[in-house]
Amino acid sequence: MGLAVLGQAESVPRQRSAAASRTRLLDARLEFRTLEELLALVREQLAGDCDLRWHLELRAAPAGEDTGITRERILSLLDTRFFARYGYVEYADARAYGQQAVKAVTTVRG
């Protein structure tokens, strides 16, 4: 990936500028939505994105929430059963498991 970027170094500033412009446009469009419209957009995304659902469930949990619930969510992220068919996380699954472990660490930090 890094070599591909180096090969197209002259276009990086233009791509960054375009990305920033799209972000500003999206921000402006969202700014004028009602709370109900924004919640509908979030719910629509949650229906098809398990990672986003996990992230929001953990981030939106009230501060006084039962720590057992948060602990259960973290342990499920660290559970190797989905990846360890032979008693260990296989090389092919290491990246996916690592991403789940990062989510667990991020949750603990939060």
PDB file of N, CA and C in Angstrom:
ATOM      1  N   MET A   1       0.826  -1.184   0.000  1.00  0.00           N
ATOM      2  CA  MET A   1       0.000   0.000   0.000  1.00  0.00           C
ATOM      3  C   MET A   1       0.872   1.250   0.000  1.00  0.00           C
ATOM      4  N   GLY A   2       1.887   1.274   0.862  1.00  0.00           N
ATOM      5  CA  GLY A   2       2.765   2.433   0.947  1.00  0.00           C
ATOM      6  C   GLY A   2       3.480   2.719  -0.360  1.00  0.00           C
ATOM      7  N   LEU A   3       3.929   1.653  -1.046  1.00  0.00           N
ATOM      8  CA  LEU A   3       4.603   1.845  -2.332  1.00  0.00           C
ATOM      9  C   LEU A   3       3.642   2.377  -3.386  1.00  0.00           C
ATOM     10  N   ALA A   4       2.401   1.943  -3.326  1.00  0.00           N
ATOM     11  CA  ALA A   4       1.402   2.450  -4.271  1.00  0.00           C
ATOM     12  C   ALA A   4       1.189   3.942  -4.062  1.00  0.00           C
ATOM     13  N   VAL A   5       1.156   4.363  -2.814  1.00  0.00           N
ATOM     14  CA  VAL A   5       0.987   5.787  -2.519  1.00  0.00           C
ATOM     15  C   VAL A   5       2.201   6.573  -3.001  1.00  0.00           C
ATOM     16  N   LEU A   6       3.405   6.029  -2.756  1.00  0.00           N
ATOM     17  CA  LEU A   6       4.612   6.717  -3.218  1.00  0.00           C
ATOM     18  C   LEU A   6       4.610   6.871  -4.731  1.00  0.00           C
ATOM     19  N   GLY A   7       4.075   5.887  -5.422  1.00  0.00           N
ATOM     20  CA  GLY A   7       4.017   5.950  -6.881  1.00  0.00           C
ATOM     21  C   GLY A   7       3.040   6.994  -7.389  1.00  0.00           C
ATOM     22  N   GLN A   8       2.124   7.412  -6.541  1.00  0.00           N
ATOM     23  CA  GLN A   8       1.112   8.403  -6.926  1.00  0.00           C
ATOM     24  C   GLN A   8       1.194   9.628  -6.020  1.00  0.00           C
ATOM     25  N   ALA A   9       2.390   9.937  -5.559  1.00  0.00           N
ATOM     26  CA  ALA A   9       2.589  10.996  -4.572  1.00  0.00           C
ATOM     27  C   ALA A   9       2.020  12.339  -5.015  1.00  0.00           C
ATOM     28  N   GLU A  10       2.076  12.623  -6.292  1.00  0.00           N
ATOM     29  CA  GLU A  10       1.586  13.923  -6.767  1.00  0.00           C
ATOM     30  C   GLU A  10       0.073  14.066  -6.619  1.00  0.00           C
ATOM     31  N   SER A  11      -0.642  12.942  -6.563  1.00  0.00           N
ATOM     32  CA  SER A  11      -2.094  13.029  -6.456  1.00  0.00           C
ATOM     33  C   SER A  11      -2.596  13.003  -5.002  1.00  0.00           C
ATOM     34  N   VAL A  12      -1.713  12.731  -4.033  1.00  0.00           N
ATOM     35  CA  VAL A  12      -2.126  12.627  -2.629  1.00  0.00           C
ATOM     36  C   VAL A  12      -2.748  13.924  -2.112  1.00  0.00           C
ATOM     37  N   PRO A  13      -2.139  15.094  -2.336  1.00  0.00           N
ATOM     38  CA  PRO A  13      -2.768  16.326  -1.836  1.00  0.00           C
ATOM     39  C   PRO A  13      -4.168  16.552  -2.431  1.00  0.00           C
ATOM     40  N   ARG A  14      -4.324  16.246  -3.687  1.00  0.00           N
ATOM     41  CA  ARG A  14      -5.638  16.402  -4.343  1.00  0.00           C
ATOM     42  C   ARG A  14      -6.648  15.440  -3.734  1.00  0.00           C
ATOM     43  N   GLN A  15      -6.231  14.186  -3.473  1.00  0.00           N
ATOM     44  CA  GLN A  15      -7.126  13.199  -2.870  1.00  0.00           C
ATOM     45  C   GLN A  15      -7.514  13.597  -1.448  1.00  0.00           C
ATOM     46  N   ARG A  16      -6.551  14.110  -0.693  1.00  0.00           N
ATOM     47  CA  ARG A  16      -6.842  14.580   0.671  1.00  0.00           C
ATOM     48  C   ARG A  16      -7.829  15.738   0.640  1.00  0.00           C
ATOM     49  N   SER A  17      -7.619  16.646  -0.265  1.00  0.00           N
ATOM     50  CA  SER A  17      -8.512  17.798  -0.391  1.00  0.00           C
ATOM     51  C   SER A  17      -9.930  17.353  -0.766  1.00  0.00           C
ATOM     52  N   ALA A  18     -10.026  16.396  -1.678  1.00  0.00           N
ATOM     53  CA  ALA A  18     -11.336  15.880  -2.076  1.00  0.00           C
ATOM     54  C   ALA A  18     -12.020  15.179  -0.906  1.00  0.00           C
ATOM     55  N   ALA A  19     -11.266  14.413  -0.127  1.00  0.00           N
ATOM     56  CA  ALA A  19     -11.831  13.725   1.039  1.00  0.00           C
ATOM     57  C   ALA A  19     -12.317  14.739   2.070  1.00  0.00           C
ATOM     58  N   ALA A  20     -11.538  15.780   2.314  1.00  0.00           N
ATOM     59  CA  ALA A  20     -11.942  16.825   3.263  1.00  0.00           C
ATOM     60  C   ALA A  20     -13.193  17.538   2.780  1.00  0.00           C
ATOM     61  N   SER A  21     -13.263  17.768   1.480  1.00  0.00           N
ATOM     62  CA  SER A  21     -14.442  18.425   0.900  1.00  0.00           C
ATOM     63  C   SER A  21     -15.695  17.558   1.080  1.00  0.00           C
ATOM     64  N   ARG A  22     -15.558  16.236   0.847  1.00  0.00           N
ATOM     65  CA  ARG A  22     -16.697  15.327   1.035  1.00  0.00           C
ATOM     66  C   ARG A  22     -17.132  15.288   2.492  1.00  0.00           C
ATOM     67  N   THR A  23     -16.160  15.342   3.394  1.00  0.00           N
ATOM     68  CA  THR A  23     -16.475  15.352   4.827  1.00  0.00           C
ATOM     69  C   THR A  23     -17.242  16.608   5.202  1.00  0.00           C
ATOM     70  N   ARG A  24     -16.801  17.761   4.710  1.00  0.00           N
ATOM     71  CA  ARG A  24     -17.513  19.019   4.991  1.00  0.00           C
ATOM     72  C   ARG A  24     -18.923  18.989   4.422  1.00  0.00           C
ATOM     73  N   LEU A  25     -19.079  18.451   3.228  1.00  0.00           N
ATOM     74  CA  LEU A  25     -20.404  18.358   2.606  1.00  0.00           C
ATOM     75  C   LEU A  25     -21.323  17.458   3.421  1.00  0.00           C
ATOM     76  N   LEU A  26     -20.809  16.310   3.850  1.00  0.00           N
ATOM     77  CA  LEU A  26     -21.608  15.406   4.675  1.00  0.00           C
ATOM     78  C   LEU A  26     -21.988  16.069   5.992  1.00  0.00           C
ATOM     79  N   ASP A  27     -21.033  16.726   6.635  1.00  0.00           N
ATOM     80  CA  ASP A  27     -21.323  17.441   7.881  1.00  0.00           C
ATOM     81  C   ASP A  27     -22.444  18.456   7.680  1.00  0.00           C
ATOM     82  N   ALA A  28     -22.367  19.217   6.582  1.00  0.00           N
ATOM     83  CA  ALA A  28     -23.387  20.227   6.311  1.00  0.00           C
ATOM     84  C   ALA A  28     -24.749  19.580   6.088  1.00  0.00           C
ATOM     85  N   ARG A  29     -24.766  18.460   5.389  1.00  0.00           N
ATOM     86  CA  ARG A  29     -26.054  17.780   5.138  1.00  0.00           C
ATOM     87  C   ARG A  29     -26.641  17.217   6.431  1.00  0.00           C
ATOM     88  N   LEU A  30     -25.799  16.649   7.271  1.00  0.00           N
ATOM     89  CA  LEU A  30     -26.283  16.077   8.528  1.00  0.00           C
ATOM     90  C   LEU A  30     -26.738  17.153   9.501  1.00  0.00           C
ATOM     91  N   GLU A  31     -26.108  18.302   9.431  1.00  0.00           N
ATOM     92  CA  GLU A  31     -26.429  19.405  10.331  1.00  0.00           C
ATOM     93  C   GLU A  31     -27.905  19.812  10.234  1.00  0.00           C
ATOM     94  N   PHE A  32     -28.494  19.667   9.069  1.00  0.00           N
ATOM     95  CA  PHE A  32     -29.867  20.113   8.862  1.00  0.00           C
ATOM     96  C   PHE A  32     -30.903  19.000   9.027  1.00  0.00           C
ATOM     97  N   ARG A  33     -30.470  17.834   9.457  1.00  0.00           N
ATOM     98  CA  ARG A  33     -31.388  16.714   9.695  1.00  0.00           C
ATOM     99  C   ARG A  33     -31.966  16.815  11.105  1.00  0.00           C
ATOM    100  N   THR A  34     -33.184  16.327  11.254  1.00  0.00           N
ATOM    101  CA  THR A  34     -33.789  16.280  12.583  1.00  0.00           C
ATOM    102  C   THR A  34     -33.199  15.109  13.351  1.00  0.00           C
ATOM    103  N   LEU A  35     -33.416  15.112  14.649  1.00  0.00           N
ATOM    104  CA  LEU A  35     -32.944  14.007  15.470  1.00  0.00           C
ATOM    105  C   LEU A  35     -33.535  12.686  14.997  1.00  0.00           C
ATOM    106  N   GLU A  36     -34.802  12.688  14.651  1.00  0.00           N
ATOM    107  CA  GLU A  36     -35.467  11.468  14.175  1.00  0.00           C
ATOM    108  C   GLU A  36     -34.834  10.958  12.882  1.00  0.00           C
ATOM    109  N   GLU A  37     -34.498  11.883  11.974  1.00  0.00           N
ATOM    110  CA  GLU A  37     -33.852  11.480  10.714  1.00  0.00           C
ATOM    111  C   GLU A  37     -32.466  10.910  10.968  1.00  0.00           C
ATOM    112  N   LEU A  38     -31.720  11.519  11.884  1.00  0.00           N
ATOM    113  CA  LEU A  38     -30.377  11.026  12.206  1.00  0.00           C
ATOM    114  C   LEU A  38     -30.445   9.652  12.857  1.00  0.00           C
ATOM    115  N   LEU A  39     -31.394   9.473  13.772  1.00  0.00           N
ATOM    116  CA  LEU A  39     -31.551   8.162  14.406  1.00  0.00           C
ATOM    117  C   LEU A  39     -31.934   7.100  13.376  1.00  0.00           C
ATOM    118  N   ALA A  40     -32.779   7.463  12.423  1.00  0.00           N
ATOM    119  CA  ALA A  40     -33.162   6.517  11.370  1.00  0.00           C
ATOM    120  C   ALA A  40     -31.940   6.117  10.539  1.00  0.00           C
ATOM    121  N   LEU A  41     -31.068   7.074  10.229  1.00  0.00           N
ATOM    122  CA  LEU A  41     -29.846   6.766   9.480  1.00  0.00           C
ATOM    123  C   LEU A  41     -28.945   5.828  10.270  1.00  0.00           C
ATOM    124  N   VAL A  42     -28.785   6.102  11.558  1.00  0.00           N
ATOM    125  CA  VAL A  42     -27.938   5.257  12.400  1.00  0.00           C
ATOM    126  C   VAL A  42     -28.519   3.849  12.479  1.00  0.00           C
ATOM    127  N   ARG A  43     -29.826   3.760  12.702  1.00  0.00           N
ATOM    128  CA  ARG A  43     -30.463   2.437  12.799  1.00  0.00           C
ATOM    129  C   ARG A  43     -30.323   1.654  11.503  1.00  0.00           C
ATOM    130  N   GLU A  44     -30.424   2.344  10.394  1.00  0.00           N
ATOM    131  CA  GLU A  44     -30.270   1.684   9.092  1.00  0.00           C
ATOM    132  C   GLU A  44     -28.867   1.104   8.957  1.00  0.00           C
ATOM    133  N   GLN A  45     -27.861   1.858   9.373  1.00  0.00           N
ATOM    134  CA  GLN A  45     -26.486   1.374   9.303  1.00  0.00           C
ATOM    135  C   GLN A  45     -26.252   0.219  10.268  1.00  0.00           C
ATOM    136  N   LEU A  46     -26.852   0.309  11.459  1.00  0.00           N
ATOM    137  CA  LEU A  46     -26.681  -0.750  12.456  1.00  0.00           C
ATOM    138  C   LEU A  46     -27.251  -2.078  11.979  1.00  0.00           C
ATOM    139  N   ALA A  47     -28.295  -2.020  11.168  1.00  0.00           N
ATOM    140  CA  ALA A  47     -28.928  -3.250  10.687  1.00  0.00           C
ATOM    141  C   ALA A  47     -27.968  -4.081   9.837  1.00  0.00           C
ATOM    142  N   GLY A  48     -27.026  -3.440   9.168  1.00  0.00           N
ATOM    143  CA  GLY A  48     -26.147  -4.180   8.273  1.00  0.00           C
ATOM    144  C   GLY A  48     -24.683  -4.182   8.670  1.00  0.00           C
ATOM    145  N   ASP A  49     -24.343  -3.586   9.816  1.00  0.00           N
ATOM    146  CA  ASP A  49     -22.940  -3.475  10.179  1.00  0.00           C
ATOM    147  C   ASP A  49     -22.733  -3.912  11.631  1.00  0.00           C
ATOM    148  N   CYS A  50     -22.349  -5.170  11.820  1.00  0.00           N
ATOM    149  CA  CYS A  50     -22.156  -5.724  13.167  1.00  0.00           C
ATOM    150  C   CYS A  50     -21.044  -5.014  13.919  1.00  0.00           C
ATOM    151  N   ASP A  51     -19.980  -4.628  13.213  1.00  0.00           N
ATOM    152  CA  ASP A  51     -18.881  -3.928  13.873  1.00  0.00           C
ATOM    153  C   ASP A  51     -19.344  -2.581  14.436  1.00  0.00           C
ATOM    154  N   LEU A  52     -20.110  -1.860  13.651  1.00  0.00           N
ATOM    155  CA  LEU A  52     -20.632  -0.578  14.117  1.00  0.00           C
ATOM    156  C   LEU A  52     -21.561  -0.782  15.307  1.00  0.00           C
ATOM    157  N   ARG A  53     -22.384  -1.820  15.247  1.00  0.00           N
ATOM    158  CA  ARG A  53     -23.293  -2.110  16.360  1.00  0.00           C
ATOM    159  C   ARG A  53     -22.510  -2.352  17.647  1.00  0.00           C
ATOM    160  N   TRP A  54     -21.472  -3.208  17.572  1.00  0.00           N
ATOM    161  CA  TRP A  54     -20.650  -3.485  18.756  1.00  0.00           C
ATOM    162  C   TRP A  54     -20.030  -2.203  19.289  1.00  0.00           C
ATOM    163  N   HIS A  55     -19.483  -1.414  18.393  1.00  0.00           N
ATOM    164  CA  HIS A  55     -18.817  -0.182  18.788  1.00  0.00           C
ATOM    165  C   HIS A  55     -19.796   0.758  19.504  1.00  0.00           C
ATOM    166  N   LEU A  56     -20.967   0.946  18.934  1.00  0.00           N
ATOM    167  CA  LEU A  56     -21.935   1.849  19.539  1.00  0.00           C
ATOM    168  C   LEU A  56     -22.507   1.287  20.837  1.00  0.00           C
ATOM    169  N   GLU A  57     -22.712  -0.019  20.883  1.00  0.00           N
ATOM    170  CA  GLU A  57     -23.210  -0.607  22.130  1.00  0.00           C
ATOM    171  C   GLU A  57     -22.241  -0.348  23.271  1.00  0.00           C
ATOM    172  N   LEU A  58     -20.967  -0.499  23.003  1.00  0.00           N
ATOM    173  CA  LEU A  58     -19.969  -0.305  24.047  1.00  0.00           C
ATOM    174  C   LEU A  58     -19.767   1.171  24.372  1.00  0.00           C
ATOM    175  N   ARG A  59     -19.795   2.027  23.361  1.00  0.00           N
ATOM    176  CA  ARG A  59     -19.593   3.461  23.594  1.00  0.00           C
ATOM    177  C   ARG A  59     -20.815   4.129  24.204  1.00  0.00           C
ATOM    178  N   ALA A  60     -22.000   3.633  23.867  1.00  0.00           N
ATOM    179  CA  ALA A  60     -23.229   4.269  24.338  1.00  0.00           C
ATOM    180  C   ALA A  60     -23.686   3.752  25.690  1.00  0.00           C
ATOM    181  N   ALA A  61     -23.005   2.770  26.235  1.00  0.00           N
ATOM    182  CA  ALA A  61     -23.402   2.220  27.536  1.00  0.00           C
ATOM    183  C   ALA A  61     -23.276   3.305  28.594  1.00  0.00           C
ATOM    184  N   PRO A  62     -24.283   3.441  29.424  1.00  0.00           N
ATOM    185  CA  PRO A  62     -24.208   4.463  30.473  1.00  0.00           C
ATOM    186  C   PRO A  62     -23.050   4.185  31.429  1.00  0.00           C
ATOM    187  N   ALA A  63     -22.519   5.248  32.007  1.00  0.00           N
ATOM    188  CA  ALA A  63     -21.372   5.109  32.908  1.00  0.00           C
ATOM    189  C   ALA A  63     -21.689   4.212  34.090  1.00  0.00           C
ATOM    190  N   GLY A  64     -22.923   4.219  34.554  1.00  0.00           N
ATOM    191  CA  GLY A  64     -23.282   3.426  35.709  1.00  0.00           C
ATOM    192  C   GLY A  64     -23.765   2.035  35.372  1.00  0.00           C
ATOM    193  N   GLU A  65     -23.641   1.642  34.095  1.00  0.00           N
ATOM    194  CA  GLU A  65     -24.129   0.334  33.669  1.00  0.00           C
ATOM    195  C   GLU A  65     -23.407  -0.779  34.415  1.00  0.00           C
ATOM    196  N   ASP A  66     -24.103  -1.851  34.612  1.00  0.00           N
ATOM    197  CA  ASP A  66     -23.529  -3.029  35.266  1.00  0.00           C
ATOM    198  C   ASP A  66     -22.226  -3.416  34.561  1.00  0.00           C
ATOM    199  N   THR A  67     -21.135  -3.447  35.292  1.00  0.00           N
ATOM    200  CA  THR A  67     -19.844  -3.776  34.684  1.00  0.00           C
ATOM    201  C   THR A  67     -19.827  -5.208  34.161  1.00  0.00           C
ATOM    202  N   GLY A  68     -20.707  -6.054  34.680  1.00  0.00           N
ATOM    203  CA  GLY A  68     -20.778  -7.427  34.193  1.00  0.00           C
ATOM    204  C   GLY A  68     -21.169  -7.484  32.730  1.00  0.00           C
ATOM    205  N   ILE A  69     -22.049  -6.585  32.304  1.00  0.00           N
ATOM    206  CA  ILE A  69     -22.478  -6.550  30.896  1.00  0.00           C
ATOM    207  C   ILE A  69     -21.291  -6.150  30.011  1.00  0.00           C
ATOM    208  N   THR A  70     -20.581  -5.106  30.416  1.00  0.00           N
ATOM    209  CA  THR A  70     -19.419  -4.660  29.642  1.00  0.00           C
ATOM    210  C   THR A  70     -18.355  -5.746  29.624  1.00  0.00           C
ATOM    211  N   ARG A  71     -18.126  -6.385  30.762  1.00  0.00           N
ATOM    212  CA  ARG A  71     -17.144  -7.482  30.848  1.00  0.00           C
ATOM    213  C   ARG A  71     -17.521  -8.605  29.891  1.00  0.00           C
ATOM    214  N   GLU A  72     -18.805  -8.945  29.847  1.00  0.00           N
ATOM    215  CA  GLU A  72     -19.279 -10.005  28.950  1.00  0.00           C
ATOM    216  C   GLU A  72     -19.020  -9.644  27.495  1.00  0.00           C
ATOM    217  N   ARG A  73     -19.252  -8.389  27.136  1.00  0.00           N
ATOM    218  CA  ARG A  73     -19.016  -7.944  25.764  1.00  0.00           C
ATOM    219  C   ARG A  73     -17.533  -8.022  25.409  1.00  0.00           C
ATOM    220  N   ILE A  74     -16.683  -7.613  26.340  1.00  0.00           N
ATOM    221  CA  ILE A  74     -15.245  -7.660  26.090  1.00  0.00           C
ATOM    222  C   ILE A  74     -14.772  -9.099  25.949  1.00  0.00           C
ATOM    223  N   LEU A  75     -15.210  -9.965  26.841  1.00  0.00           N
ATOM    224  CA  LEU A  75     -14.807 -11.373  26.764  1.00  0.00           C
ATOM    225  C   LEU A  75     -15.283 -12.024  25.469  1.00  0.00           C
ATOM    226  N   SER A  76     -16.454 -11.636  24.988  1.00  0.00           N
ATOM    227  CA  SER A  76     -16.925 -12.211  23.726  1.00  0.00           C
ATOM    228  C   SER A  76     -16.039 -11.771  22.562  1.00  0.00           C
ATOM    229  N   LEU A  77     -15.494 -10.560  22.636  1.00  0.00           N
ATOM    230  CA  LEU A  77     -14.557 -10.107  21.604  1.00  0.00           C
ATOM    231  C   LEU A  77     -13.252 -10.887  21.647  1.00  0.00           C
ATOM    232  N   LEU A  78     -12.851 -11.322  22.838  1.00  0.00           N
ATOM    233  CA  LEU A  78     -11.594 -12.053  22.999  1.00  0.00           C
ATOM    234  C   LEU A  78     -11.764 -13.568  22.859  1.00  0.00           C
ATOM    235  N   ASP A  79     -12.982 -14.027  22.696  1.00  0.00           N
ATOM    236  CA  ASP A  79     -13.268 -15.456  22.588  1.00  0.00           C
ATOM    237  C   ASP A  79     -12.652 -16.017  21.307  1.00  0.00           C
ATOM    238  N   THR A  80     -11.845 -17.040  21.439  1.00  0.00           N
ATOM    239  CA  THR A  80     -11.161 -17.617  20.271  1.00  0.00           C
ATOM    240  C   THR A  80     -11.953 -18.751  19.614  1.00  0.00           C
ATOM    241  N   ARG A  81     -13.066 -19.145  20.198  1.00  0.00           N
ATOM    242  CA  ARG A  81     -13.796 -20.302  19.664  1.00  0.00           C
ATOM    243  C   ARG A  81     -14.172 -20.159  18.190  1.00  0.00           C
ATOM    244  N   PHE A  82     -14.445 -18.943  17.756  1.00  0.00           N
ATOM    245  CA  PHE A  82     -14.833 -18.745  16.354  1.00  0.00           C
ATOM    246  C   PHE A  82     -13.650 -18.889  15.408  1.00  0.00           C
ATOM    247  N   PHE A  83     -12.445 -18.778  15.949  1.00  0.00           N
ATOM    248  CA  PHE A  83     -11.237 -18.796  15.130  1.00  0.00           C
ATOM    249  C   PHE A  83     -10.379 -20.031  15.358  1.00  0.00           C
ATOM    250  N   ALA A  84     -10.576 -20.734  16.459  1.00  0.00           N
ATOM    251  CA  ALA A  84      -9.661 -21.800  16.864  1.00  0.00           C
ATOM    252  C   ALA A  84     -10.266 -23.180  16.616  1.00  0.00           C
ATOM    253  N   ARG A  85     -10.342 -23.557  15.383  1.00  0.00           N
ATOM    254  CA  ARG A  85     -10.893 -24.875  15.053  1.00  0.00           C
ATOM    255  C   ARG A  85     -10.004 -26.001  15.559  1.00  0.00           C
ATOM    256  N   TYR A  86      -8.708 -25.744  15.669  1.00  0.00           N
ATOM    257  CA  TYR A  86      -7.762 -26.788  16.071  1.00  0.00           C
ATOM    258  C   TYR A  86      -7.113 -26.479  17.416  1.00  0.00           C
ATOM    259  N   GLY A  87      -7.746 -25.647  18.221  1.00  0.00           N
ATOM    260  CA  GLY A  87      -7.225 -25.330  19.542  1.00  0.00           C
ATOM    261  C   GLY A  87      -6.349 -24.087  19.583  1.00  0.00           C
ATOM    262  N   TYR A  88      -6.172 -23.426  18.449  1.00  0.00           N
ATOM    263  CA  TYR A  88      -5.383 -22.195  18.396  1.00  0.00           C
ATOM    264  C   TYR A  88      -5.914 -21.348  17.241  1.00  0.00           C
ATOM    265  N   VAL A  89      -5.607 -20.073  17.273  1.00  0.00           N
ATOM    266  CA  VAL A  89      -6.018 -19.176  16.199  1.00  0.00           C
ATOM    267  C   VAL A  89      -5.072 -19.409  15.018  1.00  0.00           C
ATOM    268  N   GLU A  90      -5.643 -19.810  13.905  1.00  0.00           N
ATOM    269  CA  GLU A  90      -4.836 -20.087  12.725  1.00  0.00           C
ATOM    270  C   GLU A  90      -4.322 -18.802  12.093  1.00  0.00           C
ATOM    271  N   TYR A  91      -3.245 -18.928  11.365  1.00  0.00           N
ATOM    272  CA  TYR A  91      -2.622 -17.777  10.713  1.00  0.00           C
ATOM    273  C   TYR A  91      -3.635 -17.023   9.852  1.00  0.00           C
ATOM    274  N   ALA A  92      -4.446 -17.742   9.099  1.00  0.00           N
ATOM    275  CA  ALA A  92      -5.415 -17.105   8.203  1.00  0.00           C
ATOM    276  C   ALA A  92      -6.448 -16.290   8.973  1.00  0.00           C
ATOM    277  N   ASP A  93      -6.690 -16.628  10.227  1.00  0.00           N
ATOM    278  CA  ASP A  93      -7.687 -15.930  11.035  1.00  0.00           C
ATOM    279  C   ASP A  93      -7.069 -14.921  12.000  1.00  0.00           C
ATOM    280  N   ALA A  94      -5.747 -14.851  12.043  1.00  0.00           N
ATOM    281  CA  ALA A  94      -5.071 -14.009  13.031  1.00  0.00           C
ATOM    282  C   ALA A  94      -5.446 -12.535  12.888  1.00  0.00           C
ATOM    283  N   ARG A  95      -5.559 -12.057  11.670  1.00  0.00           N
ATOM    284  CA  ARG A  95      -5.887 -10.640  11.462  1.00  0.00           C
ATOM    285  C   ARG A  95      -7.280 -10.317  12.007  1.00  0.00           C
ATOM    286  N   ALA A  96      -8.258 -11.144  11.683  1.00  0.00           N
ATOM    287  CA  ALA A  96      -9.625 -10.905  12.157  1.00  0.00           C
ATOM    288  C   ALA A  96      -9.695 -10.978  13.676  1.00  0.00           C
ATOM    289  N   TYR A  97      -9.007 -11.955  14.250  1.00  0.00           N
ATOM    290  CA  TYR A  97      -8.998 -12.058  15.711  1.00  0.00           C
ATOM    291  C   TYR A  97      -8.286 -10.852  16.325  1.00  0.00           C
ATOM    292  N   GLY A  98      -7.214 -10.435  15.714  1.00  0.00           N
ATOM    293  CA  GLY A  98      -6.486  -9.260  16.203  1.00  0.00           C
ATOM    294  C   GLY A  98      -7.343  -8.011  16.188  1.00  0.00           C
ATOM    295  N   GLN A  99      -8.175  -7.861  15.153  1.00  0.00           N
ATOM    296  CA  GLN A  99      -9.074  -6.715  15.083  1.00  0.00           C
ATOM    297  C   GLN A  99     -10.085  -6.746  16.227  1.00  0.00           C
ATOM    298  N   GLN A 100     -10.571  -7.920  16.559  1.00  0.00           N
ATOM    299  CA  GLN A 100     -11.495  -8.043  17.682  1.00  0.00           C
ATOM    300  C   GLN A 100     -10.782  -7.716  18.992  1.00  0.00           C
ATOM    301  N   ALA A 101      -9.533  -8.158  19.125  1.00  0.00           N
ATOM    302  CA  ALA A 101      -8.766  -7.853  20.336  1.00  0.00           C
ATOM    303  C   ALA A 101      -8.552  -6.349  20.470  1.00  0.00           C
ATOM    304  N   VAL A 102      -8.307  -5.668  19.369  1.00  0.00           N
ATOM    305  CA  VAL A 102      -8.153  -4.208  19.390  1.00  0.00           C
ATOM    306  C   VAL A 102      -9.449  -3.554  19.869  1.00  0.00           C
ATOM    307  N   LYS A 103     -10.587  -4.060  19.428  1.00  0.00           N
ATOM    308  CA  LYS A 103     -11.877  -3.519  19.895  1.00  0.00           C
ATOM    309  C   LYS A 103     -12.010  -3.696  21.408  1.00  0.00           C
ATOM    310  N   ALA A 104     -11.592  -4.847  21.903  1.00  0.00           N
ATOM    311  CA  ALA A 104     -11.680  -5.105  23.343  1.00  0.00           C
ATOM    312  C   ALA A 104     -10.780  -4.128  24.111  1.00  0.00           C
ATOM    313  N   VAL A 105      -9.567  -3.919  23.627  1.00  0.00           N
ATOM    314  CA  VAL A 105      -8.638  -2.999  24.296  1.00  0.00           C
ATOM    315  C   VAL A 105      -9.187  -1.583  24.255  1.00  0.00           C
ATOM    316  N   THR A 106      -9.720  -1.179  23.120  1.00  0.00           N
ATOM    317  CA  THR A 106     -10.303   0.160  22.986  1.00  0.00           C
ATOM    318  C   THR A 106     -11.451   0.345  23.975  1.00  0.00           C
ATOM    319  N   THR A 107     -12.243  -0.686  24.156  1.00  0.00           N
ATOM    320  CA  THR A 107     -13.343  -0.620  25.106  1.00  0.00           C
ATOM    321  C   THR A 107     -12.833  -0.457  26.526  1.00  0.00           C
ATOM    322  N   VAL A 108     -11.805  -1.222  26.873  1.00  0.00           N
ATOM    323  CA  VAL A 108     -11.246  -1.136  28.219  1.00  0.00           C
ATOM    324  C   VAL A 108     -10.678   0.264  28.453  1.00  0.00           C
ATOM    325  N   ARG A 109      -9.993   0.799  27.452  1.00  0.00           N
ATOM    326  CA  ARG A 109      -9.444   2.165  27.589  1.00  0.00           C
ATOM    327  C   ARG A 109     -10.557   3.180  27.809  1.00  0.00           C
ATOM    328  N   GLY A 110     -11.674   2.993  27.083  1.00  0.00           N
ATOM    329  CA  GLY A 110     -12.801   3.928  27.200  1.00  0.00           C
ATOM    330  C   GLY A 110     -13.436   3.861  28.551  1.00  0.00           C
TER     331      GLY A 110
END
